[in-house]
């Protein structure tokens, strides 16, 4: 398969996430015919968590701010970057701090820990307003 790329830019409205997800999942079905329903369910969860975080936490629901999503499909792997226009956050304390402190039921960071468990690696930029992940299929 040749490399396939797509991108979306949308305003920080929760309703826009549903529109982007529907378009994105349709595109993934077409570009990767071998994806199972389990694969698609995991991808739906990953993207919905990350896009909601960008809208709600990153951009604080400010509709004047945008969310950028880019996806690349190549060599049995999906790579994606999601960026918001917020100030970022201290991602190590969210991903590790509360969880390591024994509070496995902490709501803060739960979505990121779920995404981390469903992907083959996540990374943040220095300020924490951009996350990238890879997922093999």
N, C-alpha and C. Protein backbone atom coordinates (compact mmCIF):
# COMPACT_ATOMS: atom_id res chain seq x y z
N UNK A 1 0.83 -1.18 0.00
CA UNK A 1 0.00 0.00 0.00
C UNK A 1 0.88 1.25 0.00
N UNK A 2 0.55 2.20 -0.84
CA UNK A 2 1.25 3.48 -0.85
C UNK A 2 0.84 4.28 0.37
N UNK A 3 1.66 5.23 0.73
CA UNK A 3 1.35 6.09 1.86
C UNK A 3 0.12 6.94 1.53
N UNK A 4 -0.79 7.03 2.50
CA UNK A 4 -2.01 7.82 2.36
C UNK A 4 -2.04 8.83 3.49
N UNK A 5 -2.32 10.09 3.18
CA UNK A 5 -2.38 11.15 4.19
C UNK A 5 -3.69 11.89 4.09
N UNK A 6 -4.17 12.33 5.25
CA UNK A 6 -5.36 13.19 5.28
C UNK A 6 -5.26 14.09 6.51
N UNK A 7 -6.00 15.18 6.48
CA UNK A 7 -5.98 16.08 7.62
C UNK A 7 -7.33 16.79 7.74
N UNK A 8 -7.57 17.23 8.95
CA UNK A 8 -8.79 17.97 9.28
C UNK A 8 -8.38 19.14 10.17
N UNK A 9 -9.06 20.26 10.01
CA UNK A 9 -8.94 21.39 10.92
C UNK A 9 -10.37 21.80 11.22
N UNK A 10 -10.69 21.93 12.52
CA UNK A 10 -12.06 22.28 12.87
C UNK A 10 -12.09 23.14 14.13
N UNK A 11 -13.21 23.87 14.27
CA UNK A 11 -13.36 24.74 15.44
C UNK A 11 -13.69 23.89 16.67
N UNK A 12 -13.40 24.43 17.83
CA UNK A 12 -13.54 23.70 19.09
C UNK A 12 -14.99 23.62 19.55
N UNK A 13 -15.74 22.80 18.85
CA UNK A 13 -17.13 22.49 19.22
C UNK A 13 -17.24 20.98 19.31
N UNK A 14 -17.84 20.49 20.39
CA UNK A 14 -17.97 19.04 20.56
C UNK A 14 -18.72 18.39 19.40
N UNK A 15 -19.71 19.06 18.84
CA UNK A 15 -20.49 18.49 17.74
C UNK A 15 -19.60 18.24 16.52
N UNK A 16 -18.56 19.02 16.37
CA UNK A 16 -17.65 18.85 15.22
C UNK A 16 -16.87 17.53 15.32
N UNK A 17 -16.63 17.06 16.56
CA UNK A 17 -15.90 15.81 16.74
C UNK A 17 -16.65 14.66 16.08
N UNK A 18 -17.95 14.62 16.25
CA UNK A 18 -18.75 13.56 15.65
C UNK A 18 -18.64 13.59 14.13
N UNK A 19 -18.71 14.78 13.55
CA UNK A 19 -18.59 14.92 12.09
C UNK A 19 -17.23 14.42 11.61
N UNK A 20 -16.17 14.84 12.30
CA UNK A 20 -14.82 14.43 11.91
C UNK A 20 -14.67 12.91 12.06
N UNK A 21 -15.15 12.36 13.17
CA UNK A 21 -15.05 10.91 13.40
C UNK A 21 -15.75 10.11 12.32
N UNK A 22 -16.95 10.53 11.94
CA UNK A 22 -17.70 9.81 10.91
C UNK A 22 -16.93 9.81 9.59
N UNK A 23 -16.43 10.97 9.21
CA UNK A 23 -15.65 11.09 7.97
C UNK A 23 -14.37 10.27 8.05
N UNK A 24 -13.67 10.38 9.17
CA UNK A 24 -12.41 9.67 9.36
C UNK A 24 -12.60 8.16 9.32
N UNK A 25 -13.59 7.65 10.02
CA UNK A 25 -13.83 6.19 10.04
C UNK A 25 -14.24 5.67 8.67
N UNK A 26 -15.05 6.44 7.95
CA UNK A 26 -15.40 6.05 6.57
C UNK A 26 -14.15 5.97 5.70
N UNK A 27 -13.28 6.95 5.85
CA UNK A 27 -12.04 6.97 5.07
C UNK A 27 -11.16 5.78 5.44
N UNK A 28 -11.02 5.49 6.73
CA UNK A 28 -10.20 4.36 7.15
C UNK A 28 -10.76 3.03 6.63
N UNK A 29 -12.08 2.89 6.64
CA UNK A 29 -12.71 1.67 6.09
C UNK A 29 -12.34 1.51 4.62
N UNK A 30 -12.36 2.61 3.88
CA UNK A 30 -12.07 2.56 2.45
C UNK A 30 -10.59 2.32 2.16
N UNK A 31 -9.73 2.96 2.93
CA UNK A 31 -8.29 2.88 2.69
C UNK A 31 -7.67 1.59 3.21
N UNK A 32 -8.28 1.02 4.26
CA UNK A 32 -7.74 -0.20 4.88
C UNK A 32 -8.88 -1.22 4.96
N UNK A 33 -9.18 -1.90 3.86
CA UNK A 33 -10.32 -2.81 3.83
C UNK A 33 -10.23 -3.94 4.85
N UNK A 34 -9.04 -4.30 5.30
CA UNK A 34 -8.89 -5.40 6.23
C UNK A 34 -9.13 -5.05 7.69
N UNK A 35 -9.45 -3.79 7.99
CA UNK A 35 -9.71 -3.43 9.39
C UNK A 35 -10.93 -4.17 9.91
N UNK A 36 -10.80 -4.73 11.10
CA UNK A 36 -11.92 -5.43 11.72
C UNK A 36 -12.79 -4.43 12.47
N UNK A 37 -13.95 -4.88 12.90
CA UNK A 37 -14.82 -4.02 13.70
C UNK A 37 -14.14 -3.68 15.03
N UNK A 38 -13.36 -4.62 15.57
CA UNK A 38 -12.61 -4.33 16.80
C UNK A 38 -11.58 -3.23 16.56
N UNK A 39 -10.87 -3.30 15.43
CA UNK A 39 -9.91 -2.24 15.08
C UNK A 39 -10.62 -0.89 15.00
N UNK A 40 -11.74 -0.86 14.30
CA UNK A 40 -12.49 0.39 14.12
C UNK A 40 -13.01 0.92 15.46
N UNK A 41 -13.45 0.02 16.33
CA UNK A 41 -13.92 0.45 17.66
C UNK A 41 -12.79 1.07 18.46
N UNK A 42 -11.62 0.44 18.42
CA UNK A 42 -10.47 1.00 19.13
C UNK A 42 -10.08 2.35 18.55
N UNK A 43 -10.05 2.46 17.24
CA UNK A 43 -9.70 3.73 16.61
C UNK A 43 -10.72 4.82 16.93
N UNK A 44 -12.00 4.45 16.94
CA UNK A 44 -13.05 5.41 17.30
C UNK A 44 -12.81 5.93 18.73
N UNK A 45 -12.50 5.03 19.65
CA UNK A 45 -12.24 5.42 21.04
C UNK A 45 -10.99 6.31 21.14
N UNK A 46 -9.93 5.91 20.47
CA UNK A 46 -8.68 6.70 20.50
C UNK A 46 -8.92 8.11 20.00
N UNK A 47 -9.50 8.22 18.80
CA UNK A 47 -9.70 9.54 18.22
C UNK A 47 -10.72 10.36 19.01
N UNK A 48 -11.79 9.74 19.48
CA UNK A 48 -12.79 10.52 20.22
C UNK A 48 -12.21 11.06 21.53
N UNK A 49 -11.41 10.26 22.23
CA UNK A 49 -10.77 10.72 23.47
C UNK A 49 -9.81 11.88 23.19
N UNK A 50 -8.96 11.71 22.20
CA UNK A 50 -7.95 12.74 21.93
C UNK A 50 -8.56 14.02 21.38
N UNK A 51 -9.56 13.90 20.52
CA UNK A 51 -10.20 15.10 19.99
C UNK A 51 -11.00 15.82 21.06
N UNK A 52 -11.68 15.07 21.92
CA UNK A 52 -12.43 15.69 23.03
C UNK A 52 -11.47 16.40 23.98
N UNK A 53 -10.32 15.77 24.28
CA UNK A 53 -9.34 16.43 25.13
C UNK A 53 -8.88 17.75 24.51
N UNK A 54 -8.64 17.75 23.21
CA UNK A 54 -8.17 18.97 22.53
C UNK A 54 -9.23 20.07 22.60
N UNK A 55 -10.49 19.72 22.38
CA UNK A 55 -11.57 20.71 22.40
C UNK A 55 -11.84 21.20 23.82
N UNK A 56 -12.05 20.26 24.74
CA UNK A 56 -12.50 20.60 26.10
C UNK A 56 -11.36 21.11 26.98
N UNK A 57 -10.27 20.38 27.03
CA UNK A 57 -9.18 20.74 27.94
C UNK A 57 -8.15 21.66 27.28
N UNK A 58 -7.79 21.36 26.04
CA UNK A 58 -6.78 22.16 25.36
C UNK A 58 -7.28 23.55 25.02
N UNK A 59 -8.37 23.61 24.29
CA UNK A 59 -8.91 24.89 23.83
C UNK A 59 -10.01 25.43 24.73
N UNK A 60 -10.31 24.74 25.80
CA UNK A 60 -11.34 25.17 26.76
C UNK A 60 -12.67 25.51 26.10
N UNK A 61 -13.00 24.80 25.02
CA UNK A 61 -14.26 25.02 24.33
C UNK A 61 -14.35 26.36 23.61
N UNK A 62 -13.24 27.04 23.45
CA UNK A 62 -13.21 28.34 22.78
C UNK A 62 -13.34 28.11 21.27
N UNK A 63 -14.50 28.46 20.72
CA UNK A 63 -14.76 28.16 19.30
C UNK A 63 -13.90 28.99 18.35
N UNK A 64 -13.20 29.99 18.87
CA UNK A 64 -12.28 30.74 18.00
C UNK A 64 -10.96 30.00 17.82
N UNK A 65 -10.74 28.95 18.64
CA UNK A 65 -9.53 28.16 18.53
C UNK A 65 -9.79 26.90 17.73
N UNK A 66 -8.79 26.44 17.03
CA UNK A 66 -8.91 25.29 16.13
C UNK A 66 -8.21 24.06 16.70
N UNK A 67 -8.65 22.92 16.21
CA UNK A 67 -8.00 21.64 16.46
C UNK A 67 -7.52 21.14 15.11
N UNK A 68 -6.27 20.69 15.06
CA UNK A 68 -5.70 20.14 13.83
C UNK A 68 -5.46 18.65 14.03
N UNK A 69 -5.87 17.88 13.03
CA UNK A 69 -5.70 16.42 13.06
C UNK A 69 -5.07 16.00 11.74
N UNK A 70 -3.98 15.28 11.82
CA UNK A 70 -3.38 14.72 10.61
C UNK A 70 -3.19 13.22 10.81
N UNK A 71 -3.38 12.48 9.73
CA UNK A 71 -3.29 11.03 9.76
C UNK A 71 -2.45 10.58 8.57
N UNK A 72 -1.62 9.58 8.82
CA UNK A 72 -0.84 8.96 7.75
C UNK A 72 -0.99 7.45 7.89
N UNK A 73 -1.26 6.79 6.78
CA UNK A 73 -1.39 5.34 6.75
C UNK A 73 -0.29 4.80 5.85
N UNK A 74 0.55 3.94 6.42
CA UNK A 74 1.65 3.36 5.64
C UNK A 74 2.17 2.12 6.34
N UNK A 75 2.57 1.12 5.58
CA UNK A 75 3.22 -0.07 6.12
C UNK A 75 2.51 -0.68 7.32
N UNK A 76 1.21 -0.92 7.20
CA UNK A 76 0.42 -1.53 8.27
C UNK A 76 0.43 -0.75 9.57
N UNK A 77 0.52 0.58 9.45
CA UNK A 77 0.55 1.43 10.64
C UNK A 77 -0.20 2.73 10.36
N UNK A 78 -0.96 3.15 11.35
CA UNK A 78 -1.63 4.45 11.30
C UNK A 78 -0.87 5.36 12.26
N UNK A 79 -0.46 6.52 11.75
CA UNK A 79 0.19 7.54 12.58
C UNK A 79 -0.70 8.77 12.58
N UNK A 80 -0.81 9.42 13.71
CA UNK A 80 -1.65 10.60 13.79
C UNK A 80 -1.07 11.62 14.75
N UNK A 81 -1.35 12.89 14.44
CA UNK A 81 -0.98 14.00 15.31
C UNK A 81 -2.22 14.86 15.51
N UNK A 82 -2.50 15.19 16.77
CA UNK A 82 -3.62 16.06 17.12
C UNK A 82 -3.04 17.24 17.89
N UNK A 83 -3.37 18.44 17.44
CA UNK A 83 -2.82 19.65 18.06
C UNK A 83 -3.95 20.63 18.34
N UNK A 84 -3.90 21.23 19.53
CA UNK A 84 -4.86 22.29 19.85
C UNK A 84 -4.10 23.60 20.02
N UNK A 85 -4.83 24.68 20.23
CA UNK A 85 -4.21 26.00 20.38
C UNK A 85 -4.12 26.44 21.84
N UNK A 86 -4.26 25.48 22.74
CA UNK A 86 -4.17 25.79 24.16
C UNK A 86 -2.73 25.93 24.62
N UNK A 87 -2.58 26.17 25.92
CA UNK A 87 -1.26 26.37 26.52
C UNK A 87 -0.54 25.06 26.80
N UNK A 88 -1.24 23.93 26.69
CA UNK A 88 -0.63 22.65 26.99
C UNK A 88 -0.85 22.27 28.45
N UNK A 89 -0.23 21.18 28.86
CA UNK A 89 -0.39 20.71 30.24
C UNK A 89 0.80 19.85 30.62
N UNK A 90 0.90 19.54 31.89
CA UNK A 90 2.00 18.74 32.43
C UNK A 90 1.63 17.26 32.26
N UNK A 91 1.84 16.74 31.08
CA UNK A 91 1.40 15.38 30.77
C UNK A 91 2.08 14.29 31.59
N UNK A 92 3.34 14.42 31.99
CA UNK A 92 3.90 13.34 32.82
C UNK A 92 3.15 13.15 34.13
N UNK A 93 2.72 14.25 34.75
CA UNK A 93 2.01 14.11 36.02
C UNK A 93 0.64 13.48 35.82
N UNK A 94 0.03 13.72 34.67
CA UNK A 94 -1.28 13.14 34.40
C UNK A 94 -1.15 11.66 34.05
N UNK A 95 -0.19 11.33 33.21
CA UNK A 95 -0.04 9.94 32.78
C UNK A 95 0.54 9.04 33.86
N UNK A 96 1.42 9.57 34.67
CA UNK A 96 2.12 8.73 35.63
C UNK A 96 1.75 9.08 37.06
N UNK A 97 1.80 10.35 37.41
CA UNK A 97 1.68 10.78 38.79
C UNK A 97 0.51 10.20 39.57
N UNK A 98 -0.70 10.49 39.15
CA UNK A 98 -1.87 10.04 39.90
C UNK A 98 -2.01 8.53 39.85
N UNK A 99 -1.67 7.94 38.73
CA UNK A 99 -1.80 6.49 38.58
C UNK A 99 -0.81 5.77 39.49
N UNK A 100 0.44 6.24 39.49
CA UNK A 100 1.45 5.62 40.34
C UNK A 100 1.17 5.83 41.82
N UNK A 101 0.46 6.89 42.14
CA UNK A 101 0.16 7.16 43.54
C UNK A 101 -0.90 6.19 44.08
N UNK A 102 -1.33 5.26 43.25
CA UNK A 102 -2.28 4.26 43.70
C UNK A 102 -3.72 4.60 43.42
N UNK A 103 -3.95 5.72 42.78
CA UNK A 103 -5.32 6.14 42.51
C UNK A 103 -5.71 5.71 41.09
N UNK A 104 -5.92 4.41 40.91
CA UNK A 104 -6.22 3.90 39.57
C UNK A 104 -7.59 4.34 39.08
N UNK A 105 -8.42 4.86 39.98
CA UNK A 105 -9.76 5.30 39.58
C UNK A 105 -9.83 6.80 39.33
N UNK A 106 -8.69 7.47 39.36
CA UNK A 106 -8.67 8.92 39.12
C UNK A 106 -9.22 9.20 37.72
N UNK A 107 -10.14 10.15 37.66
CA UNK A 107 -10.70 10.50 36.36
C UNK A 107 -9.72 11.30 35.52
N UNK A 108 -8.92 12.12 36.16
CA UNK A 108 -7.96 12.94 35.43
C UNK A 108 -6.92 12.03 34.77
N UNK A 109 -6.85 12.07 33.46
CA UNK A 109 -5.87 11.29 32.74
C UNK A 109 -6.33 9.91 32.30
N UNK A 110 -7.52 9.51 32.71
CA UNK A 110 -8.00 8.17 32.37
C UNK A 110 -8.05 7.97 30.86
N UNK A 111 -8.56 8.95 30.13
CA UNK A 111 -8.64 8.83 28.68
C UNK A 111 -7.27 8.66 28.04
N UNK A 112 -6.29 9.41 28.53
CA UNK A 112 -4.93 9.28 27.98
C UNK A 112 -4.33 7.92 28.30
N UNK A 113 -4.60 7.40 29.48
CA UNK A 113 -4.09 6.07 29.81
C UNK A 113 -4.76 5.00 28.94
N UNK A 114 -6.03 5.18 28.64
CA UNK A 114 -6.73 4.25 27.74
C UNK A 114 -6.10 4.31 26.35
N UNK A 115 -5.89 5.53 25.85
CA UNK A 115 -5.28 5.70 24.53
C UNK A 115 -3.90 5.06 24.52
N UNK A 116 -3.12 5.29 25.57
CA UNK A 116 -1.78 4.72 25.65
C UNK A 116 -1.84 3.19 25.59
N UNK A 117 -2.84 2.60 26.23
CA UNK A 117 -2.95 1.13 26.24
C UNK A 117 -3.41 0.57 24.89
N UNK A 118 -4.09 1.37 24.09
CA UNK A 118 -4.63 0.90 22.81
C UNK A 118 -3.71 1.18 21.62
N UNK A 119 -2.66 1.94 21.84
CA UNK A 119 -1.78 2.32 20.74
C UNK A 119 -0.40 1.67 20.91
N UNK A 120 0.42 1.85 19.91
CA UNK A 120 1.79 1.33 19.94
C UNK A 120 2.77 2.45 20.26
N UNK A 121 2.31 3.43 20.99
CA UNK A 121 3.17 4.52 21.42
C UNK A 121 2.53 5.87 21.24
N UNK A 122 2.63 6.70 22.29
CA UNK A 122 2.19 8.10 22.20
C UNK A 122 3.37 8.97 22.62
N UNK A 123 3.34 10.20 22.12
CA UNK A 123 4.35 11.18 22.54
C UNK A 123 3.72 12.57 22.45
N UNK A 124 4.22 13.45 23.29
CA UNK A 124 3.74 14.83 23.33
C UNK A 124 4.85 15.77 22.89
N UNK A 125 4.45 16.95 22.41
CA UNK A 125 5.45 17.98 22.18
C UNK A 125 5.82 18.57 23.54
N UNK A 126 6.77 19.47 23.58
CA UNK A 126 7.27 20.01 24.84
C UNK A 126 6.23 20.66 25.72
N UNK A 127 5.30 21.40 25.13
CA UNK A 127 4.32 22.11 25.95
C UNK A 127 3.09 21.27 26.30
N UNK A 128 2.87 20.18 25.57
CA UNK A 128 1.73 19.33 25.86
C UNK A 128 0.45 19.71 25.14
N UNK A 129 0.54 20.51 24.09
CA UNK A 129 -0.67 20.83 23.32
C UNK A 129 -0.70 20.07 21.98
N UNK A 130 0.15 19.07 21.86
CA UNK A 130 0.18 18.22 20.66
C UNK A 130 0.53 16.81 21.08
N UNK A 131 -0.27 15.86 20.62
CA UNK A 131 -0.01 14.45 20.91
C UNK A 131 0.06 13.70 19.59
N UNK A 132 0.98 12.78 19.51
CA UNK A 132 1.13 11.91 18.34
C UNK A 132 1.03 10.47 18.81
N UNK A 133 0.46 9.63 17.97
CA UNK A 133 0.41 8.20 18.30
C UNK A 133 0.61 7.37 17.04
N UNK A 134 0.96 6.13 17.27
CA UNK A 134 1.07 5.13 16.20
C UNK A 134 0.26 3.91 16.62
N UNK A 135 -0.36 3.30 15.63
CA UNK A 135 -1.13 2.07 15.88
C UNK A 135 -0.94 1.14 14.69
N UNK A 136 -0.45 -0.04 14.99
CA UNK A 136 -0.31 -1.05 13.94
C UNK A 136 -1.65 -1.74 13.73
N UNK A 137 -1.85 -2.22 12.50
CA UNK A 137 -3.08 -2.97 12.22
C UNK A 137 -2.73 -4.19 11.41
